Structures are given as structure tokens and as C-alpha cells.
N, C-alpha and C. Protein backbone atom coordinates (compact mmCIF):
# COMPACT_ATOMS: atom_id res chain seq x y z
N UNK A 1 103.80 114.96 95.40
CA UNK A 1 103.80 113.55 95.76
C UNK A 1 103.09 112.79 94.65
N UNK A 2 103.75 111.75 94.15
CA UNK A 2 103.19 110.95 93.08
C UNK A 2 102.10 110.00 93.58
N UNK A 3 101.44 109.34 92.62
CA UNK A 3 100.34 108.44 92.97
C UNK A 3 100.81 107.25 93.81
N UNK A 4 101.96 106.70 93.45
CA UNK A 4 102.49 105.55 94.21
C UNK A 4 102.83 105.95 95.64
N UNK A 5 103.45 107.12 95.78
CA UNK A 5 103.79 107.60 97.13
C UNK A 5 102.53 107.90 97.93
N UNK A 6 101.50 108.44 97.26
CA UNK A 6 100.24 108.72 97.94
C UNK A 6 99.59 107.43 98.44
N UNK A 7 99.65 106.37 97.63
CA UNK A 7 99.10 105.08 98.05
C UNK A 7 99.89 104.51 99.22
N UNK A 8 101.20 104.65 99.16
CA UNK A 8 102.04 104.16 100.25
C UNK A 8 101.76 104.94 101.53
N UNK A 9 101.59 106.26 101.41
CA UNK A 9 101.25 107.09 102.57
C UNK A 9 99.94 106.62 103.19
N UNK A 10 98.97 106.30 102.35
CA UNK A 10 97.68 105.81 102.85
C UNK A 10 97.87 104.53 103.65
N UNK A 11 98.67 103.60 103.15
CA UNK A 11 98.93 102.35 103.87
C UNK A 11 99.64 102.60 105.19
N UNK A 12 100.58 103.53 105.19
CA UNK A 12 101.32 103.85 106.41
C UNK A 12 100.38 104.43 107.46
N UNK A 13 99.54 105.38 107.03
CA UNK A 13 98.61 106.01 107.97
C UNK A 13 97.57 105.03 108.48
N UNK A 14 97.10 104.12 107.62
CA UNK A 14 96.16 103.08 108.07
C UNK A 14 96.83 102.19 109.12
N UNK A 15 98.05 101.77 108.82
CA UNK A 15 98.76 100.89 109.75
C UNK A 15 99.00 101.58 111.09
N UNK A 16 99.34 102.85 111.03
CA UNK A 16 99.66 103.59 112.26
C UNK A 16 98.42 104.10 112.98
N UNK A 17 97.25 103.88 112.40
CA UNK A 17 96.03 104.39 113.04
C UNK A 17 95.61 103.56 114.25
N UNK A 18 96.14 102.36 114.37
CA UNK A 18 95.77 101.48 115.48
C UNK A 18 96.73 101.67 116.65
N UNK A 19 96.20 101.86 117.87
CA UNK A 19 97.08 102.10 119.03
C UNK A 19 98.05 100.95 119.31
N UNK A 20 97.63 99.72 119.09
CA UNK A 20 98.53 98.58 119.33
C UNK A 20 99.69 98.62 118.36
N UNK A 21 99.43 98.91 117.10
CA UNK A 21 100.51 98.98 116.11
C UNK A 21 101.45 100.15 116.40
N UNK A 22 100.89 101.27 116.86
CA UNK A 22 101.77 102.38 117.24
C UNK A 22 102.64 101.99 118.42
N UNK A 23 102.08 101.25 119.36
CA UNK A 23 102.86 100.80 120.52
C UNK A 23 103.97 99.83 120.08
N UNK A 24 103.65 98.94 119.16
CA UNK A 24 104.67 98.01 118.64
C UNK A 24 105.81 98.80 118.01
N UNK A 25 105.47 99.78 117.18
CA UNK A 25 106.51 100.61 116.55
C UNK A 25 107.34 101.34 117.59
N UNK A 26 106.68 101.87 118.60
CA UNK A 26 107.38 102.60 119.65
C UNK A 26 108.36 101.69 120.37
N UNK A 27 107.92 100.49 120.75
CA UNK A 27 108.81 99.54 121.41
C UNK A 27 110.02 99.23 120.53
N UNK A 28 109.77 98.99 119.24
CA UNK A 28 110.86 98.62 118.34
C UNK A 28 111.85 99.76 118.15
N UNK A 29 111.35 100.98 118.04
CA UNK A 29 112.25 102.13 117.86
C UNK A 29 113.06 102.37 119.13
N UNK A 30 112.41 102.25 120.28
CA UNK A 30 113.10 102.52 121.54
C UNK A 30 114.04 101.40 121.95
N UNK A 31 113.62 100.14 121.73
CA UNK A 31 114.38 99.00 122.24
C UNK A 31 115.15 98.23 121.18
N UNK A 32 114.92 98.53 119.91
CA UNK A 32 115.60 97.82 118.83
C UNK A 32 114.84 96.56 118.43
N UNK A 33 115.39 95.82 117.48
CA UNK A 33 114.71 94.61 116.97
C UNK A 33 114.36 93.65 118.12
N UNK A 34 113.19 93.04 117.98
CA UNK A 34 112.71 92.12 119.02
C UNK A 34 112.11 90.88 118.38
N UNK A 35 112.12 89.81 119.15
CA UNK A 35 111.41 88.60 118.73
C UNK A 35 109.91 88.85 118.83
N UNK A 36 109.16 88.18 117.98
CA UNK A 36 107.70 88.32 118.01
C UNK A 36 107.17 87.95 119.38
N UNK A 37 107.71 86.90 119.97
CA UNK A 37 107.24 86.47 121.29
C UNK A 37 107.52 87.53 122.36
N UNK A 38 108.66 88.21 122.27
CA UNK A 38 108.97 89.27 123.23
C UNK A 38 108.00 90.44 123.07
N UNK A 39 107.64 90.75 121.84
CA UNK A 39 106.65 91.80 121.61
C UNK A 39 105.30 91.39 122.18
N UNK A 40 104.92 90.15 121.93
CA UNK A 40 103.62 89.66 122.39
C UNK A 40 103.52 89.69 123.91
N UNK A 41 104.64 89.48 124.59
CA UNK A 41 104.65 89.50 126.06
C UNK A 41 104.27 90.88 126.62
N UNK A 42 104.41 91.92 125.82
CA UNK A 42 104.12 93.28 126.27
C UNK A 42 102.64 93.65 126.14
N UNK A 43 101.85 92.75 125.58
CA UNK A 43 100.44 93.05 125.34
C UNK A 43 99.56 91.97 125.96
N UNK A 44 98.37 92.36 126.32
CA UNK A 44 97.41 91.40 126.86
C UNK A 44 96.55 90.88 125.72
N UNK A 45 97.21 90.20 124.79
CA UNK A 45 96.50 89.58 123.67
C UNK A 45 97.33 88.38 123.22
N UNK A 46 96.73 87.58 122.39
CA UNK A 46 97.40 86.36 121.96
C UNK A 46 98.57 86.66 121.02
N UNK A 47 99.47 85.71 120.93
CA UNK A 47 100.59 85.80 120.00
C UNK A 47 100.06 85.96 118.58
N UNK A 48 99.01 85.24 118.26
CA UNK A 48 98.40 85.32 116.93
C UNK A 48 97.91 86.74 116.63
N UNK A 49 97.28 87.39 117.59
CA UNK A 49 96.80 88.76 117.40
C UNK A 49 97.95 89.73 117.17
N UNK A 50 99.00 89.60 117.96
CA UNK A 50 100.17 90.46 117.79
C UNK A 50 100.80 90.21 116.41
N UNK A 51 100.86 88.96 115.99
CA UNK A 51 101.40 88.62 114.68
C UNK A 51 100.60 89.28 113.56
N UNK A 52 99.30 89.34 113.72
CA UNK A 52 98.46 90.00 112.70
C UNK A 52 98.78 91.49 112.62
N UNK A 53 98.98 92.11 113.78
CA UNK A 53 99.35 93.53 113.78
C UNK A 53 100.71 93.73 113.09
N UNK A 54 101.63 92.85 113.37
CA UNK A 54 102.97 92.94 112.76
C UNK A 54 102.86 92.80 111.24
N UNK A 55 102.01 91.91 110.77
CA UNK A 55 101.84 91.74 109.32
C UNK A 55 101.31 93.01 108.66
N UNK A 56 100.41 93.71 109.33
CA UNK A 56 99.92 94.99 108.79
C UNK A 56 101.07 95.99 108.70
N UNK A 57 101.90 96.04 109.74
CA UNK A 57 103.05 96.94 109.73
C UNK A 57 104.05 96.55 108.64
N UNK A 58 104.21 95.26 108.42
CA UNK A 58 105.10 94.79 107.35
C UNK A 58 104.59 95.23 105.98
N UNK A 59 103.29 95.05 105.73
CA UNK A 59 102.72 95.45 104.44
C UNK A 59 102.88 96.94 104.19
N UNK A 60 102.85 97.73 105.24
CA UNK A 60 103.03 99.17 105.12
C UNK A 60 104.51 99.56 105.01
N UNK A 61 105.40 98.59 105.19
CA UNK A 61 106.83 98.86 105.10
C UNK A 61 107.42 99.46 106.36
N UNK A 62 106.67 99.44 107.46
CA UNK A 62 107.14 100.06 108.70
C UNK A 62 108.02 99.14 109.55
N UNK A 63 107.96 97.84 109.29
CA UNK A 63 108.83 96.89 109.98
C UNK A 63 109.30 95.84 108.98
N UNK A 64 110.40 95.20 109.33
CA UNK A 64 110.89 94.06 108.55
C UNK A 64 111.02 92.87 109.48
N UNK A 65 110.96 91.70 108.89
CA UNK A 65 111.07 90.45 109.65
C UNK A 65 112.30 89.70 109.15
N UNK A 66 113.10 89.26 110.10
CA UNK A 66 114.27 88.46 109.79
C UNK A 66 114.16 87.16 110.58
N UNK A 67 114.37 86.06 109.92
CA UNK A 67 114.26 84.77 110.59
C UNK A 67 115.65 84.22 110.90
N UNK A 68 115.86 83.90 112.17
CA UNK A 68 117.09 83.25 112.61
C UNK A 68 116.68 81.97 113.31
N UNK A 69 116.99 80.88 112.65
CA UNK A 69 116.55 79.57 113.10
C UNK A 69 115.03 79.58 113.23
N UNK A 70 114.52 79.42 114.43
CA UNK A 70 113.06 79.41 114.60
C UNK A 70 112.53 80.75 115.12
N UNK A 71 113.43 81.68 115.33
CA UNK A 71 113.05 82.98 115.86
C UNK A 71 112.77 83.96 114.73
N UNK A 72 111.73 84.75 114.91
CA UNK A 72 111.40 85.82 113.97
C UNK A 72 111.71 87.14 114.66
N UNK A 73 112.69 87.87 114.13
CA UNK A 73 113.06 89.17 114.69
C UNK A 73 112.39 90.26 113.87
N UNK A 74 111.75 91.18 114.56
CA UNK A 74 111.06 92.29 113.93
C UNK A 74 111.87 93.56 114.18
N UNK A 75 112.12 94.31 113.12
CA UNK A 75 112.90 95.55 113.25
C UNK A 75 112.12 96.71 112.63
N UNK A 76 112.26 97.90 113.20
CA UNK A 76 111.56 99.06 112.63
C UNK A 76 112.22 99.54 111.35
N UNK A 77 111.44 100.09 110.48
CA UNK A 77 111.94 100.70 109.24
C UNK A 77 111.51 102.16 109.25
N UNK A 78 112.44 103.05 109.40
CA UNK A 78 112.11 104.47 109.53
C UNK A 78 111.96 105.16 108.17
N UNK A 79 112.49 104.57 107.11
CA UNK A 79 112.44 105.20 105.79
C UNK A 79 111.05 105.62 105.32
N UNK A 80 110.04 104.75 105.44
CA UNK A 80 108.71 105.15 104.98
C UNK A 80 108.13 106.37 105.69
N UNK A 81 108.62 106.66 106.87
CA UNK A 81 108.10 107.81 107.61
C UNK A 81 108.43 109.13 106.92
N UNK A 82 109.36 109.10 105.96
CA UNK A 82 109.68 110.32 105.22
C UNK A 82 108.47 110.80 104.44
N UNK A 83 107.59 109.88 104.04
CA UNK A 83 106.38 110.27 103.33
C UNK A 83 105.45 111.09 104.22
N UNK A 84 105.39 110.73 105.50
CA UNK A 84 104.58 111.51 106.44
C UNK A 84 105.18 112.90 106.59
N UNK A 85 106.51 112.97 106.70
CA UNK A 85 107.19 114.27 106.80
C UNK A 85 106.92 115.12 105.55
N UNK A 86 106.98 114.48 104.39
CA UNK A 86 106.72 115.19 103.14
C UNK A 86 105.30 115.73 103.10
N UNK A 87 104.34 114.90 103.48
CA UNK A 87 102.94 115.30 103.47
C UNK A 87 102.69 116.45 104.46
N UNK A 88 103.21 116.29 105.68
CA UNK A 88 103.05 117.36 106.67
C UNK A 88 103.75 118.63 106.21
N UNK A 89 104.88 118.49 105.54
CA UNK A 89 105.58 119.66 105.01
C UNK A 89 104.72 120.40 103.99
N UNK A 90 104.02 119.64 103.14
CA UNK A 90 103.12 120.26 102.16
C UNK A 90 101.97 120.97 102.86
N UNK A 91 101.41 120.33 103.88
CA UNK A 91 100.33 120.96 104.64
C UNK A 91 100.82 122.24 105.33
N UNK A 92 101.99 122.14 105.92
CA UNK A 92 102.56 123.28 106.63
C UNK A 92 102.81 124.43 105.65
N UNK A 93 103.29 124.12 104.47
CA UNK A 93 103.55 125.12 103.45
C UNK A 93 102.26 125.83 103.05
N UNK A 94 101.20 125.06 102.84
CA UNK A 94 99.90 125.66 102.49
C UNK A 94 99.39 126.53 103.62
N UNK A 95 99.54 126.07 104.82
CA UNK A 95 99.07 126.82 105.99
C UNK A 95 99.87 128.13 106.12
N UNK A 96 101.18 128.05 105.93
CA UNK A 96 102.03 129.24 106.01
C UNK A 96 101.62 130.28 104.96
N UNK A 97 101.32 129.81 103.74
CA UNK A 97 100.88 130.72 102.68
C UNK A 97 99.58 131.42 103.07
N UNK A 98 98.66 130.68 103.65
CA UNK A 98 97.40 131.28 104.08
C UNK A 98 97.61 132.29 105.19
N UNK A 99 98.49 131.97 106.12
CA UNK A 99 98.78 132.92 107.19
C UNK A 99 99.42 134.19 106.64
N UNK A 100 100.30 134.02 105.65
CA UNK A 100 100.92 135.20 105.02
C UNK A 100 99.86 136.06 104.33
N UNK A 101 98.91 135.40 103.65
CA UNK A 101 97.84 136.15 102.99
C UNK A 101 96.98 136.88 104.01
N UNK A 102 96.68 136.22 105.11
CA UNK A 102 95.90 136.85 106.16
C UNK A 102 96.64 138.05 106.74
N UNK A 103 97.93 137.91 106.94
CA UNK A 103 98.73 139.01 107.48
C UNK A 103 98.70 140.20 106.52
N UNK A 104 98.75 139.92 105.22
CA UNK A 104 98.68 141.00 104.24
C UNK A 104 97.33 141.71 104.30
N UNK A 105 96.25 140.93 104.41
CA UNK A 105 94.92 141.50 104.47
C UNK A 105 94.76 142.35 105.73
N UNK A 106 95.19 141.82 106.86
CA UNK A 106 95.08 142.54 108.13
C UNK A 106 95.96 143.79 108.08
N UNK A 107 97.13 143.67 107.47
CA UNK A 107 98.03 144.82 107.35
C UNK A 107 97.46 145.92 106.48
N UNK A 108 96.67 145.54 105.47
CA UNK A 108 96.06 146.54 104.58
C UNK A 108 94.98 147.35 105.30
N UNK A 109 94.33 146.75 106.29
CA UNK A 109 93.25 147.41 107.00
C UNK A 109 93.75 148.46 107.98
N UNK A 110 95.02 148.44 108.30
CA UNK A 110 95.56 149.37 109.30
C UNK A 110 95.80 150.73 108.74
């Protein structure tokens, strides 16, 4: 993973670290693009607070905003999540190698 991808992964993980932002992403993935006001209706917080969460998700590339007349539609972007898959794949690969080494060591003792 290159430096730019590592920085993007950091932004994605920061954005997804907040439960409200994870809930927003979940709603968008399950229900499709939504108006900001419709998203805000699902939370017990102000429209302004929900908008701030959406802006964090936008900066991380996890959602996009499309304006139609006076409505702002928010849609999920699944592409950036490939970086999380890549990172977890690297972790899994390292873990598998360690397990293989452990199996060899345990096998030698028999």
C-alpha cells in the first residue's frame, strides 16, 4: 500500500470510527441515496449536526452529494472500502504466515 493510499485509509477509518457516521453509511447502503433532511430525521440531533457528519464522510470519499434544485442527495461510495479490504488482507496474510510457522514449530516437537 502506497503512502497516498495509507493516508486515505486513515481518513476512512477516522470517518467510520464514529457510530453516527457508521449509521449514516448503513442507512445509505441499505436504502439508497437520501436527502440530508431524510437522514437527519433518523437521528435525535440537529440537521446541522448531521450535515457535519456527512461532510466528514464526504472528505473521506465514503459519500457523494448531488444537488437537485434545493435538495441535497447523499449517496454511498463503496469504492474507498477496497482499501480496508486490502489492509485487512495484508493483516490476514501476516497472521496466516505466523500460524503456519507455529504449526511447523509444533509439528517439529512431535
